[in-house]
């Protein structure tokens, strides 16, 4: 069952899995933390020392209402201000596909954090593949609901792509989970076979090799 936040709202399925990977009382930096649902849960349930960075002013205001320490700014710039190994975990949830210099950001993530958590929509999900093959248009799915001209996603990432990318930059996979979600991503299941075809999201716990 999805975990409940302080407002009795179900924690998104992928965030619940990420939360299960975080050790109690650890130091956590959440990059692109949104309205702070994950940080709020981690602080209350796992007593983490959490900090967030979020670009959108309305989301930052919502985090502050929850009593969360969140900085408004560009994650690519703000992360450089932190010392090496300042955090036990740095989380980048559903944001990598919108980053201009992903290798640089992942490098910084692994510099300031002992472990990194990265999740992203899997562009090779079967629905996206079939739409492109038979329709001939840029795919639109529940997880990728934008038209080509207004999408914030500038990277096409698959689970296989990201696994290979980690090897190229000298990072290691500590844990990997593929999921298939429904109901606005609040429900889902873990995909154990043919993940690159069947999963809507890939989730990785990573470290330096």
N, C-alpha and C. Protein backbone atom coordinates (compact mmCIF):
# COMPACT_ATOMS: atom_id res chain seq x y z
N UNK A 1 0.84 -1.20 0.00
CA UNK A 1 0.00 0.00 0.00
C UNK A 1 0.88 1.25 0.00
N UNK A 2 0.45 2.31 -0.71
CA UNK A 2 1.23 3.54 -0.70
C UNK A 2 1.33 4.14 0.70
N UNK A 3 2.47 4.72 0.99
CA UNK A 3 2.70 5.38 2.26
C UNK A 3 1.95 6.69 2.31
N UNK A 4 1.44 7.08 3.48
CA UNK A 4 0.69 8.32 3.63
C UNK A 4 1.60 9.42 4.14
N UNK A 5 1.41 10.63 3.61
CA UNK A 5 2.12 11.79 4.11
C UNK A 5 1.35 12.41 5.25
N UNK A 6 1.88 13.53 5.80
CA UNK A 6 1.24 14.18 6.93
C UNK A 6 -0.12 14.73 6.57
N UNK A 7 -0.40 14.95 5.26
CA UNK A 7 -1.68 15.45 4.83
C UNK A 7 -2.60 14.32 4.36
N UNK A 8 -2.25 13.09 4.72
CA UNK A 8 -3.04 11.92 4.37
C UNK A 8 -3.13 11.71 2.86
N UNK A 9 -2.16 12.22 2.14
CA UNK A 9 -2.09 12.02 0.70
C UNK A 9 -1.11 10.90 0.42
N UNK A 10 -1.49 10.00 -0.49
CA UNK A 10 -0.63 8.85 -0.77
C UNK A 10 0.68 9.30 -1.36
N UNK A 11 1.78 8.78 -0.82
CA UNK A 11 3.09 9.04 -1.39
C UNK A 11 3.18 8.29 -2.71
N UNK A 12 3.66 8.96 -3.73
CA UNK A 12 3.78 8.36 -5.04
C UNK A 12 4.53 7.03 -4.94
N UNK A 13 4.16 6.09 -5.78
CA UNK A 13 4.73 4.74 -5.69
C UNK A 13 6.24 4.75 -5.80
N UNK A 14 6.78 5.51 -6.75
CA UNK A 14 8.24 5.54 -6.90
C UNK A 14 8.91 6.19 -5.71
N UNK A 15 8.28 7.21 -5.12
CA UNK A 15 8.86 7.86 -3.95
C UNK A 15 8.85 6.95 -2.74
N UNK A 16 7.83 6.10 -2.64
CA UNK A 16 7.79 5.15 -1.53
C UNK A 16 8.95 4.16 -1.62
N UNK A 17 9.28 3.74 -2.84
CA UNK A 17 10.42 2.84 -3.02
C UNK A 17 11.72 3.55 -2.67
N UNK A 18 11.87 4.79 -3.14
CA UNK A 18 13.06 5.56 -2.81
C UNK A 18 13.19 5.72 -1.29
N UNK A 19 12.09 6.03 -0.63
CA UNK A 19 12.11 6.22 0.82
C UNK A 19 12.60 4.95 1.53
N UNK A 20 12.25 3.79 0.98
CA UNK A 20 12.66 2.53 1.61
C UNK A 20 14.16 2.31 1.50
N UNK A 21 14.83 3.00 0.58
CA UNK A 21 16.27 2.86 0.40
C UNK A 21 17.07 3.77 1.34
N UNK A 22 16.43 4.74 1.94
CA UNK A 22 17.13 5.75 2.74
C UNK A 22 17.24 5.28 4.20
N UNK A 23 18.46 5.27 4.72
CA UNK A 23 18.68 4.83 6.10
C UNK A 23 18.18 5.89 7.08
N UNK A 24 17.65 5.47 8.22
CA UNK A 24 17.19 6.44 9.23
C UNK A 24 18.33 7.35 9.70
N UNK A 25 17.97 8.57 10.01
CA UNK A 25 18.88 9.59 10.58
C UNK A 25 20.05 9.94 9.65
N UNK A 26 19.86 9.73 8.37
CA UNK A 26 20.90 10.09 7.42
C UNK A 26 20.74 11.53 6.96
N UNK A 27 21.73 12.03 6.25
CA UNK A 27 21.71 13.39 5.70
C UNK A 27 21.30 13.28 4.23
N UNK A 28 20.25 14.03 3.85
CA UNK A 28 19.66 13.87 2.53
C UNK A 28 19.52 15.22 1.84
N UNK A 29 19.90 15.25 0.56
CA UNK A 29 19.66 16.41 -0.29
C UNK A 29 18.76 15.97 -1.43
N UNK A 30 17.62 16.64 -1.60
CA UNK A 30 16.65 16.30 -2.63
C UNK A 30 16.69 17.39 -3.71
N UNK A 31 17.20 17.03 -4.89
CA UNK A 31 17.33 17.97 -6.00
C UNK A 31 16.04 17.98 -6.82
N UNK A 32 15.43 19.15 -6.95
CA UNK A 32 14.15 19.23 -7.64
C UNK A 32 13.08 18.56 -6.79
N UNK A 33 12.95 19.03 -5.56
CA UNK A 33 12.13 18.33 -4.55
C UNK A 33 10.63 18.57 -4.70
N UNK A 34 10.22 19.40 -5.66
CA UNK A 34 8.79 19.65 -5.84
C UNK A 34 8.16 20.28 -4.62
N UNK A 35 7.02 19.76 -4.21
CA UNK A 35 6.32 20.29 -3.04
C UNK A 35 6.78 19.64 -1.74
N UNK A 36 7.82 18.81 -1.82
CA UNK A 36 8.44 18.29 -0.61
C UNK A 36 7.80 17.07 0.00
N UNK A 37 7.02 16.33 -0.77
CA UNK A 37 6.36 15.14 -0.20
C UNK A 37 7.36 14.12 0.33
N UNK A 38 8.41 13.86 -0.46
CA UNK A 38 9.39 12.87 -0.02
C UNK A 38 10.19 13.37 1.18
N UNK A 39 10.65 14.60 1.13
CA UNK A 39 11.41 15.16 2.26
C UNK A 39 10.58 15.16 3.53
N UNK A 40 9.32 15.54 3.40
CA UNK A 40 8.42 15.57 4.56
C UNK A 40 8.31 14.19 5.19
N UNK A 41 8.12 13.17 4.34
CA UNK A 41 8.02 11.80 4.84
C UNK A 41 9.31 11.36 5.52
N UNK A 42 10.43 11.61 4.86
CA UNK A 42 11.72 11.18 5.40
C UNK A 42 12.04 11.85 6.73
N UNK A 43 11.70 13.11 6.86
CA UNK A 43 11.96 13.80 8.12
C UNK A 43 11.09 13.25 9.24
N UNK A 44 9.82 13.02 8.96
CA UNK A 44 8.90 12.56 10.00
C UNK A 44 9.12 11.10 10.38
N UNK A 45 9.31 10.25 9.38
CA UNK A 45 9.33 8.80 9.61
C UNK A 45 10.73 8.27 9.86
N UNK A 46 11.72 8.83 9.17
CA UNK A 46 13.08 8.32 9.29
C UNK A 46 14.03 9.30 9.96
N UNK A 47 13.50 10.43 10.41
CA UNK A 47 14.27 11.42 11.17
C UNK A 47 15.56 11.83 10.45
N UNK A 48 15.47 11.99 9.11
CA UNK A 48 16.64 12.41 8.37
C UNK A 48 16.86 13.91 8.55
N UNK A 49 18.08 14.35 8.33
CA UNK A 49 18.40 15.78 8.23
C UNK A 49 18.31 16.13 6.76
N UNK A 50 17.17 16.66 6.33
CA UNK A 50 16.91 16.84 4.92
C UNK A 50 16.95 18.28 4.46
N UNK A 51 17.42 18.46 3.23
CA UNK A 51 17.46 19.76 2.56
C UNK A 51 17.00 19.57 1.12
N UNK A 52 16.31 20.57 0.58
CA UNK A 52 15.85 20.47 -0.80
C UNK A 52 16.26 21.67 -1.63
N UNK A 53 16.34 21.48 -2.93
CA UNK A 53 16.54 22.56 -3.88
C UNK A 53 15.44 22.45 -4.92
N UNK A 54 14.75 23.56 -5.16
CA UNK A 54 13.62 23.56 -6.09
C UNK A 54 13.57 24.88 -6.84
N UNK A 55 13.35 24.82 -8.13
CA UNK A 55 13.35 26.02 -8.97
C UNK A 55 12.05 26.80 -8.89
N UNK A 56 10.91 26.11 -8.83
CA UNK A 56 9.62 26.78 -8.92
C UNK A 56 9.22 27.42 -7.59
N UNK A 57 8.90 28.68 -7.65
CA UNK A 57 8.60 29.46 -6.45
C UNK A 57 7.38 28.93 -5.71
N UNK A 58 6.35 28.53 -6.44
CA UNK A 58 5.14 28.03 -5.79
C UNK A 58 5.41 26.74 -5.02
N UNK A 59 6.28 25.89 -5.56
CA UNK A 59 6.63 24.65 -4.86
C UNK A 59 7.49 24.94 -3.63
N UNK A 60 8.39 25.90 -3.75
CA UNK A 60 9.21 26.27 -2.60
C UNK A 60 8.32 26.79 -1.47
N UNK A 61 7.35 27.62 -1.82
CA UNK A 61 6.42 28.16 -0.82
C UNK A 61 5.66 27.03 -0.12
N UNK A 62 5.28 26.02 -0.89
CA UNK A 62 4.56 24.87 -0.30
C UNK A 62 5.48 24.11 0.66
N UNK A 63 6.75 23.96 0.30
CA UNK A 63 7.70 23.28 1.18
C UNK A 63 7.87 24.06 2.49
N UNK A 64 7.97 25.36 2.38
CA UNK A 64 8.16 26.19 3.56
C UNK A 64 6.95 26.08 4.48
N UNK A 65 5.75 25.99 3.90
CA UNK A 65 4.54 25.80 4.70
C UNK A 65 4.62 24.51 5.52
N UNK A 66 5.31 23.51 4.98
CA UNK A 66 5.47 22.23 5.67
C UNK A 66 6.64 22.25 6.65
N UNK A 67 7.35 23.37 6.70
CA UNK A 67 8.48 23.47 7.61
C UNK A 67 9.73 22.81 7.09
N UNK A 68 9.86 22.70 5.78
CA UNK A 68 11.02 22.03 5.18
C UNK A 68 12.08 23.05 4.77
N UNK A 69 13.35 22.77 5.02
CA UNK A 69 14.44 23.67 4.61
C UNK A 69 14.75 23.49 3.13
N UNK A 70 14.20 24.37 2.31
CA UNK A 70 14.34 24.26 0.86
C UNK A 70 14.86 25.57 0.29
N UNK A 71 15.82 25.46 -0.64
CA UNK A 71 16.41 26.60 -1.32
C UNK A 71 15.78 26.73 -2.70
N UNK A 72 15.42 27.96 -3.09
CA UNK A 72 14.95 28.18 -4.44
C UNK A 72 16.15 28.47 -5.34
N UNK A 73 16.29 27.71 -6.42
CA UNK A 73 17.42 27.94 -7.32
C UNK A 73 17.58 26.82 -8.32
N UNK A 74 18.60 26.96 -9.14
CA UNK A 74 18.94 25.98 -10.16
C UNK A 74 19.79 24.89 -9.52
N UNK A 75 19.35 23.65 -9.63
CA UNK A 75 20.08 22.56 -8.98
C UNK A 75 21.50 22.43 -9.51
N UNK A 76 21.71 22.74 -10.79
CA UNK A 76 23.04 22.62 -11.38
C UNK A 76 24.03 23.59 -10.75
N UNK A 77 23.54 24.76 -10.36
CA UNK A 77 24.41 25.76 -9.75
C UNK A 77 24.49 25.59 -8.24
N UNK A 78 23.36 25.36 -7.59
CA UNK A 78 23.32 25.31 -6.13
C UNK A 78 24.10 24.15 -5.56
N UNK A 79 24.13 23.01 -6.27
CA UNK A 79 24.80 21.83 -5.73
C UNK A 79 26.31 22.07 -5.58
N UNK A 80 26.85 22.97 -6.38
CA UNK A 80 28.29 23.23 -6.32
C UNK A 80 28.72 23.88 -5.00
N UNK A 81 27.78 24.47 -4.28
CA UNK A 81 28.10 25.16 -3.03
C UNK A 81 28.31 24.21 -1.85
N UNK A 82 27.98 22.93 -2.04
CA UNK A 82 28.10 21.98 -0.94
C UNK A 82 29.47 21.29 -0.95
N UNK A 83 29.96 21.01 0.24
CA UNK A 83 31.24 20.33 0.38
C UNK A 83 31.12 18.87 -0.03
N UNK A 84 32.24 18.27 -0.39
CA UNK A 84 32.26 16.85 -0.72
C UNK A 84 31.82 16.03 0.48
N UNK A 85 31.01 15.01 0.19
CA UNK A 85 30.48 14.09 1.22
C UNK A 85 29.66 14.82 2.28
N UNK A 86 29.00 15.89 1.88
CA UNK A 86 28.15 16.63 2.83
C UNK A 86 26.88 15.85 3.16
N UNK A 87 26.49 14.91 2.29
CA UNK A 87 25.24 14.17 2.48
C UNK A 87 25.50 12.67 2.33
N UNK A 88 24.63 11.89 2.96
CA UNK A 88 24.67 10.45 2.78
C UNK A 88 23.97 10.05 1.48
N UNK A 89 22.90 10.77 1.13
CA UNK A 89 22.15 10.49 -0.09
C UNK A 89 21.82 11.81 -0.79
N UNK A 90 21.97 11.82 -2.10
CA UNK A 90 21.47 12.92 -2.92
C UNK A 90 20.46 12.32 -3.89
N UNK A 91 19.25 12.87 -3.89
CA UNK A 91 18.15 12.31 -4.67
C UNK A 91 17.85 13.21 -5.88
N UNK A 92 17.73 12.58 -7.03
CA UNK A 92 17.35 13.27 -8.26
C UNK A 92 16.20 12.47 -8.87
N UNK A 93 14.99 12.86 -8.51
CA UNK A 93 13.80 12.08 -8.88
C UNK A 93 13.06 12.73 -10.05
N UNK A 94 12.97 12.02 -11.15
CA UNK A 94 12.22 12.43 -12.34
C UNK A 94 12.67 13.79 -12.88
N UNK A 95 13.95 14.06 -12.80
CA UNK A 95 14.46 15.35 -13.24
C UNK A 95 15.58 15.21 -14.25
N UNK A 96 16.25 14.06 -14.28
CA UNK A 96 17.41 13.89 -15.14
C UNK A 96 17.10 14.17 -16.61
N UNK A 97 15.90 13.82 -17.06
CA UNK A 97 15.54 14.01 -18.47
C UNK A 97 15.37 15.48 -18.84
N UNK A 98 15.41 16.37 -17.85
CA UNK A 98 15.28 17.81 -18.10
C UNK A 98 16.60 18.56 -17.91
N UNK A 99 17.67 17.84 -17.69
CA UNK A 99 18.97 18.45 -17.36
C UNK A 99 19.80 18.63 -18.63
N UNK A 100 20.43 19.81 -18.78
CA UNK A 100 21.23 20.09 -19.96
C UNK A 100 22.58 19.36 -19.94
N UNK A 101 23.20 19.24 -18.77
CA UNK A 101 24.52 18.58 -18.68
C UNK A 101 24.43 17.45 -17.64
N UNK A 102 23.83 16.33 -18.02
CA UNK A 102 23.60 15.25 -17.05
C UNK A 102 24.87 14.67 -16.47
N UNK A 103 25.92 14.50 -17.27
CA UNK A 103 27.15 13.91 -16.75
C UNK A 103 27.75 14.80 -15.67
N UNK A 104 27.70 16.10 -15.89
CA UNK A 104 28.22 17.04 -14.90
C UNK A 104 27.42 16.99 -13.61
N UNK A 105 26.08 16.94 -13.74
CA UNK A 105 25.24 16.92 -12.55
C UNK A 105 25.41 15.62 -11.77
N UNK A 106 25.47 14.49 -12.46
CA UNK A 106 25.67 13.21 -11.77
C UNK A 106 27.02 13.20 -11.07
N UNK A 107 28.03 13.80 -11.71
CA UNK A 107 29.34 13.89 -11.07
C UNK A 107 29.28 14.69 -9.78
N UNK A 108 28.57 15.80 -9.79
CA UNK A 108 28.41 16.61 -8.59
C UNK A 108 27.58 15.87 -7.54
N UNK A 109 26.57 15.17 -7.99
CA UNK A 109 25.73 14.38 -7.08
C UNK A 109 26.57 13.38 -6.31
N UNK A 110 27.49 12.70 -7.01
CA UNK A 110 28.33 11.70 -6.36
C UNK A 110 29.50 12.33 -5.60
N UNK A 111 29.76 13.60 -5.84
CA UNK A 111 30.78 14.30 -5.05
C UNK A 111 30.24 14.70 -3.69
N UNK A 112 29.04 15.28 -3.67
CA UNK A 112 28.49 15.78 -2.40
C UNK A 112 27.76 14.69 -1.62
N UNK A 113 27.44 13.57 -2.27
CA UNK A 113 26.73 12.50 -1.60
C UNK A 113 27.50 11.19 -1.61
N UNK A 114 27.39 10.42 -0.55
CA UNK A 114 28.00 9.09 -0.54
C UNK A 114 27.26 8.14 -1.46
N UNK A 115 25.97 8.36 -1.61
CA UNK A 115 25.14 7.58 -2.51
C UNK A 115 24.22 8.53 -3.27
N UNK A 116 23.84 8.15 -4.47
CA UNK A 116 22.89 8.91 -5.25
C UNK A 116 21.68 8.07 -5.57
N UNK A 117 20.52 8.71 -5.62
CA UNK A 117 19.30 8.04 -6.05
C UNK A 117 18.77 8.79 -7.27
N UNK A 118 18.64 8.09 -8.38
CA UNK A 118 18.20 8.71 -9.63
C UNK A 118 17.03 7.91 -10.19
N UNK A 119 15.96 8.64 -10.56
CA UNK A 119 14.82 7.99 -11.22
C UNK A 119 14.42 8.82 -12.43
N UNK A 120 13.81 8.16 -13.42
CA UNK A 120 13.44 8.85 -14.65
C UNK A 120 12.40 8.01 -15.39
N UNK A 121 11.59 8.68 -16.23
CA UNK A 121 10.65 7.92 -17.06
C UNK A 121 11.40 7.15 -18.14
N UNK A 122 11.01 5.92 -18.36
CA UNK A 122 11.66 5.04 -19.32
C UNK A 122 11.07 5.27 -20.71
N UNK A 123 11.83 5.90 -21.58
CA UNK A 123 11.34 6.24 -22.91
C UNK A 123 11.19 5.03 -23.82
N UNK A 124 11.65 3.86 -23.41
CA UNK A 124 11.50 2.69 -24.26
C UNK A 124 10.36 1.79 -23.81
N UNK A 125 9.46 2.31 -22.98
CA UNK A 125 8.26 1.57 -22.60
C UNK A 125 7.48 1.19 -23.86
N UNK A 126 6.83 0.04 -23.82
CA UNK A 126 6.20 -0.49 -25.03
C UNK A 126 5.16 0.45 -25.63
N UNK A 127 4.45 1.22 -24.81
CA UNK A 127 3.44 2.13 -25.36
C UNK A 127 4.10 3.22 -26.21
N UNK A 128 5.22 3.75 -25.73
CA UNK A 128 5.93 4.77 -26.49
C UNK A 128 6.49 4.19 -27.78
N UNK A 129 7.01 2.98 -27.71
CA UNK A 129 7.56 2.34 -28.89
C UNK A 129 6.49 2.13 -29.97
N UNK A 130 5.32 1.64 -29.56
CA UNK A 130 4.27 1.35 -30.52
C UNK A 130 3.70 2.61 -31.14
N UNK A 131 3.59 3.68 -30.33
CA UNK A 131 3.08 4.94 -30.87
C UNK A 131 4.00 5.48 -31.95
N UNK A 132 5.29 5.41 -31.70
CA UNK A 132 6.25 5.90 -32.69
C UNK A 132 6.28 5.01 -33.93
N UNK A 133 6.21 3.71 -33.71
CA UNK A 133 6.30 2.77 -34.82
C UNK A 133 5.08 2.85 -35.73
N UNK A 134 3.87 2.84 -35.15
CA UNK A 134 2.66 2.76 -35.96
C UNK A 134 2.01 4.12 -36.22
N UNK A 135 2.20 5.06 -35.29
CA UNK A 135 1.59 6.37 -35.49
C UNK A 135 2.51 7.35 -36.20
N UNK A 136 3.83 7.18 -35.97
CA UNK A 136 4.78 8.06 -36.59
C UNK A 136 4.91 9.42 -35.92
N UNK A 137 4.31 9.55 -34.71
CA UNK A 137 4.39 10.80 -33.97
C UNK A 137 5.23 10.61 -32.70
N UNK A 138 5.72 11.75 -32.17
CA UNK A 138 6.42 11.69 -30.89
C UNK A 138 5.47 11.11 -29.84
N UNK A 139 5.91 10.12 -29.07
CA UNK A 139 5.00 9.42 -28.16
C UNK A 139 4.46 10.32 -27.04
N UNK A 140 3.22 10.03 -26.63
CA UNK A 140 2.59 10.64 -25.45
C UNK A 140 2.02 9.51 -24.60
N UNK A 141 2.39 9.49 -23.33
CA UNK A 141 1.87 8.50 -22.40
C UNK A 141 1.49 9.21 -21.10
N UNK A 142 0.96 8.45 -20.15
CA UNK A 142 0.63 9.04 -18.85
C UNK A 142 1.86 9.60 -18.16
N UNK A 143 3.00 8.98 -18.39
CA UNK A 143 4.24 9.43 -17.77
C UNK A 143 4.94 10.51 -18.62
N UNK A 144 4.62 10.58 -19.89
CA UNK A 144 5.21 11.56 -20.81
C UNK A 144 4.06 12.26 -21.54
N UNK A 145 3.33 13.14 -20.85
CA UNK A 145 2.06 13.66 -21.38
C UNK A 145 2.17 14.88 -22.28
N UNK A 146 3.37 15.22 -22.72
CA UNK A 146 3.57 16.48 -23.45
C UNK A 146 3.64 16.28 -24.95
N UNK A 147 3.35 17.37 -25.68
CA UNK A 147 3.62 17.40 -27.11
C UNK A 147 5.11 17.70 -27.30
N UNK A 148 5.63 17.41 -28.48
CA UNK A 148 7.05 17.61 -28.73
C UNK A 148 7.46 19.07 -28.55
N UNK A 149 6.53 20.02 -28.80
CA UNK A 149 6.88 21.44 -28.79
C UNK A 149 6.75 22.11 -27.43
N UNK A 150 6.15 21.42 -26.44
CA UNK A 150 6.01 22.05 -25.13
C UNK A 150 6.54 21.18 -23.98
N UNK A 151 7.26 20.13 -24.33
CA UNK A 151 7.76 19.24 -23.29
C UNK A 151 8.97 19.83 -22.57
N UNK A 152 9.04 19.66 -21.24
CA UNK A 152 10.24 20.07 -20.51
C UNK A 152 11.36 19.03 -20.62
N UNK A 153 11.05 17.87 -21.20
CA UNK A 153 12.02 16.79 -21.30
C UNK A 153 12.90 17.00 -22.53
N UNK A 154 14.20 17.16 -22.29
CA UNK A 154 15.13 17.38 -23.40
C UNK A 154 16.03 16.18 -23.62
N UNK A 155 15.89 15.15 -22.79
CA UNK A 155 16.68 13.93 -22.93
C UNK A 155 15.77 12.72 -23.13
N UNK A 156 16.15 11.86 -24.02
CA UNK A 156 15.45 10.59 -24.21
C UNK A 156 16.28 9.52 -23.52
N UNK A 157 15.79 9.03 -22.39
CA UNK A 157 16.55 8.09 -21.55
C UNK A 157 15.81 6.77 -21.45
N UNK A 158 16.52 5.69 -21.61
CA UNK A 158 15.97 4.37 -21.32
C UNK A 158 16.76 3.75 -20.17
N UNK A 159 16.22 2.70 -19.62
CA UNK A 159 16.90 2.01 -18.52
C UNK A 159 18.25 1.47 -18.98
N UNK A 160 18.30 0.91 -20.18
CA UNK A 160 19.57 0.40 -20.71
C UNK A 160 20.56 1.52 -20.97
N UNK A 161 20.07 2.66 -21.45
CA UNK A 161 20.93 3.82 -21.67
C UNK A 161 21.61 4.26 -20.38
N UNK A 162 20.81 4.36 -19.32
CA UNK A 162 21.36 4.89 -18.07
C UNK A 162 22.35 3.93 -17.45
N UNK A 163 22.07 2.65 -17.54
CA UNK A 163 23.00 1.65 -17.01
C UNK A 163 24.36 1.74 -17.73
N UNK A 164 24.32 1.90 -19.04
CA UNK A 164 25.56 2.03 -19.81
C UNK A 164 26.27 3.35 -19.48
N UNK A 165 25.50 4.42 -19.34
CA UNK A 165 26.05 5.73 -18.99
C UNK A 165 26.82 5.68 -17.68
N UNK A 166 26.29 4.99 -16.69
CA UNK A 166 26.97 4.89 -15.40
C UNK A 166 28.34 4.22 -15.55
N UNK A 167 28.41 3.21 -16.38
CA UNK A 167 29.70 2.56 -16.62
C UNK A 167 30.69 3.49 -17.29
N UNK A 168 30.20 4.34 -18.19
CA UNK A 168 31.07 5.26 -18.91
C UNK A 168 31.65 6.34 -18.01
N UNK A 169 30.90 6.75 -16.97
CA UNK A 169 31.39 7.81 -16.08
C UNK A 169 32.05 7.26 -14.82
N UNK A 170 32.16 5.94 -14.73
CA UNK A 170 32.82 5.34 -13.58
C UNK A 170 31.98 5.28 -12.33
N UNK A 171 30.68 5.15 -12.49
CA UNK A 171 29.78 4.99 -11.34
C UNK A 171 29.26 3.55 -11.29
N UNK A 172 28.86 3.13 -10.12
CA UNK A 172 28.40 1.75 -9.94
C UNK A 172 26.93 1.73 -9.55
N UNK A 173 26.26 0.65 -9.93
CA UNK A 173 24.87 0.44 -9.54
C UNK A 173 24.84 -0.38 -8.26
N UNK A 174 24.34 0.22 -7.20
CA UNK A 174 24.21 -0.48 -5.93
C UNK A 174 22.88 -1.22 -5.87
N UNK A 175 21.86 -0.57 -6.40
CA UNK A 175 20.53 -1.18 -6.41
C UNK A 175 19.75 -0.62 -7.59
N UNK A 176 18.95 -1.46 -8.21
CA UNK A 176 18.17 -1.03 -9.38
C UNK A 176 16.78 -1.63 -9.30
N UNK A 177 15.76 -0.81 -9.55
CA UNK A 177 14.39 -1.27 -9.56
C UNK A 177 13.66 -0.64 -10.73
N UNK A 178 12.92 -1.45 -11.46
CA UNK A 178 12.06 -0.96 -12.53
C UNK A 178 10.62 -1.12 -12.09
N UNK A 179 9.80 -0.13 -12.39
CA UNK A 179 8.41 -0.18 -11.95
C UNK A 179 7.46 0.15 -13.10
N UNK A 180 6.24 -0.34 -12.98
CA UNK A 180 5.15 0.01 -13.89
C UNK A 180 4.05 0.62 -13.04
N UNK A 181 3.61 1.82 -13.40
CA UNK A 181 2.70 2.57 -12.53
C UNK A 181 1.37 2.81 -13.21
N UNK A 182 0.38 3.17 -12.36
CA UNK A 182 -0.95 3.52 -12.85
C UNK A 182 -1.57 4.48 -11.84
N UNK A 183 -2.78 4.94 -12.11
CA UNK A 183 -3.52 5.82 -11.20
C UNK A 183 -2.67 7.02 -10.77
N UNK A 184 -2.26 7.82 -11.78
CA UNK A 184 -1.43 9.01 -11.53
C UNK A 184 -0.16 8.65 -10.77
N UNK A 185 0.35 7.44 -11.03
CA UNK A 185 1.60 6.96 -10.46
C UNK A 185 1.54 6.67 -8.96
N UNK A 186 0.37 6.70 -8.36
CA UNK A 186 0.27 6.41 -6.93
C UNK A 186 0.20 4.90 -6.67
N UNK A 187 -0.13 4.13 -7.68
CA UNK A 187 -0.10 2.67 -7.55
C UNK A 187 0.86 2.11 -8.60
N UNK A 188 1.41 0.97 -8.30
CA UNK A 188 2.33 0.37 -9.26
C UNK A 188 2.80 -0.99 -8.80
N UNK A 189 3.70 -1.54 -9.59
CA UNK A 189 4.29 -2.83 -9.25
C UNK A 189 5.72 -2.86 -9.77
N UNK A 190 6.52 -3.70 -9.17
CA UNK A 190 7.91 -3.85 -9.60
C UNK A 190 7.97 -4.77 -10.80
N UNK A 191 8.75 -4.38 -11.80
CA UNK A 191 8.92 -5.17 -13.02
C UNK A 191 10.24 -5.92 -12.92
N UNK A 192 10.19 -7.24 -12.98
CA UNK A 192 11.38 -8.05 -12.80
C UNK A 192 11.91 -8.64 -14.11
N UNK A 193 11.09 -8.66 -15.14
CA UNK A 193 11.53 -9.22 -16.42
C UNK A 193 11.21 -8.23 -17.54
N UNK A 194 12.10 -8.16 -18.52
CA UNK A 194 11.94 -7.27 -19.68
C UNK A 194 11.66 -5.84 -19.24
N UNK A 195 12.45 -5.36 -18.29
CA UNK A 195 12.19 -4.04 -17.70
C UNK A 195 12.27 -2.92 -18.72
N UNK A 196 13.21 -2.99 -19.65
CA UNK A 196 13.37 -1.90 -20.61
C UNK A 196 12.17 -1.77 -21.54
N UNK A 197 11.40 -2.83 -21.65
CA UNK A 197 10.19 -2.86 -22.47
C UNK A 197 8.94 -2.57 -21.66
N UNK A 198 8.88 -3.07 -20.42
CA UNK A 198 7.63 -3.06 -19.67
C UNK A 198 7.54 -2.00 -18.58
N UNK A 199 8.65 -1.39 -18.18
CA UNK A 199 8.64 -0.46 -17.05
C UNK A 199 8.37 0.97 -17.50
N UNK A 200 7.60 1.69 -16.70
CA UNK A 200 7.37 3.11 -16.97
C UNK A 200 8.47 3.98 -16.37
N UNK A 201 9.12 3.49 -15.30
CA UNK A 201 10.19 4.25 -14.65
C UNK A 201 11.34 3.31 -14.27
N UNK A 202 12.54 3.88 -14.29
CA UNK A 202 13.72 3.21 -13.74
C UNK A 202 14.19 3.95 -12.50
N UNK A 203 14.56 3.22 -11.47
CA UNK A 203 15.08 3.80 -10.22
C UNK A 203 16.43 3.16 -9.92
N UNK A 204 17.42 3.99 -9.64
CA UNK A 204 18.77 3.51 -9.39
C UNK A 204 19.34 4.12 -8.12
N UNK A 205 19.96 3.25 -7.31
CA UNK A 205 20.81 3.70 -6.20
C UNK A 205 22.23 3.50 -6.67
N UNK A 206 23.01 4.59 -6.71
CA UNK A 206 24.32 4.54 -7.34
C UNK A 206 25.41 5.05 -6.40
N UNK A 207 26.65 4.73 -6.72
CA UNK A 207 27.80 5.20 -5.97
C UNK A 207 29.00 5.27 -6.89
N UNK A 208 30.14 5.71 -6.36
CA UNK A 208 31.34 5.73 -7.14
C UNK A 208 31.93 4.32 -7.24
N UNK A 209 32.51 4.00 -8.38
CA UNK A 209 33.11 2.68 -8.55
C UNK A 209 34.32 2.56 -7.65
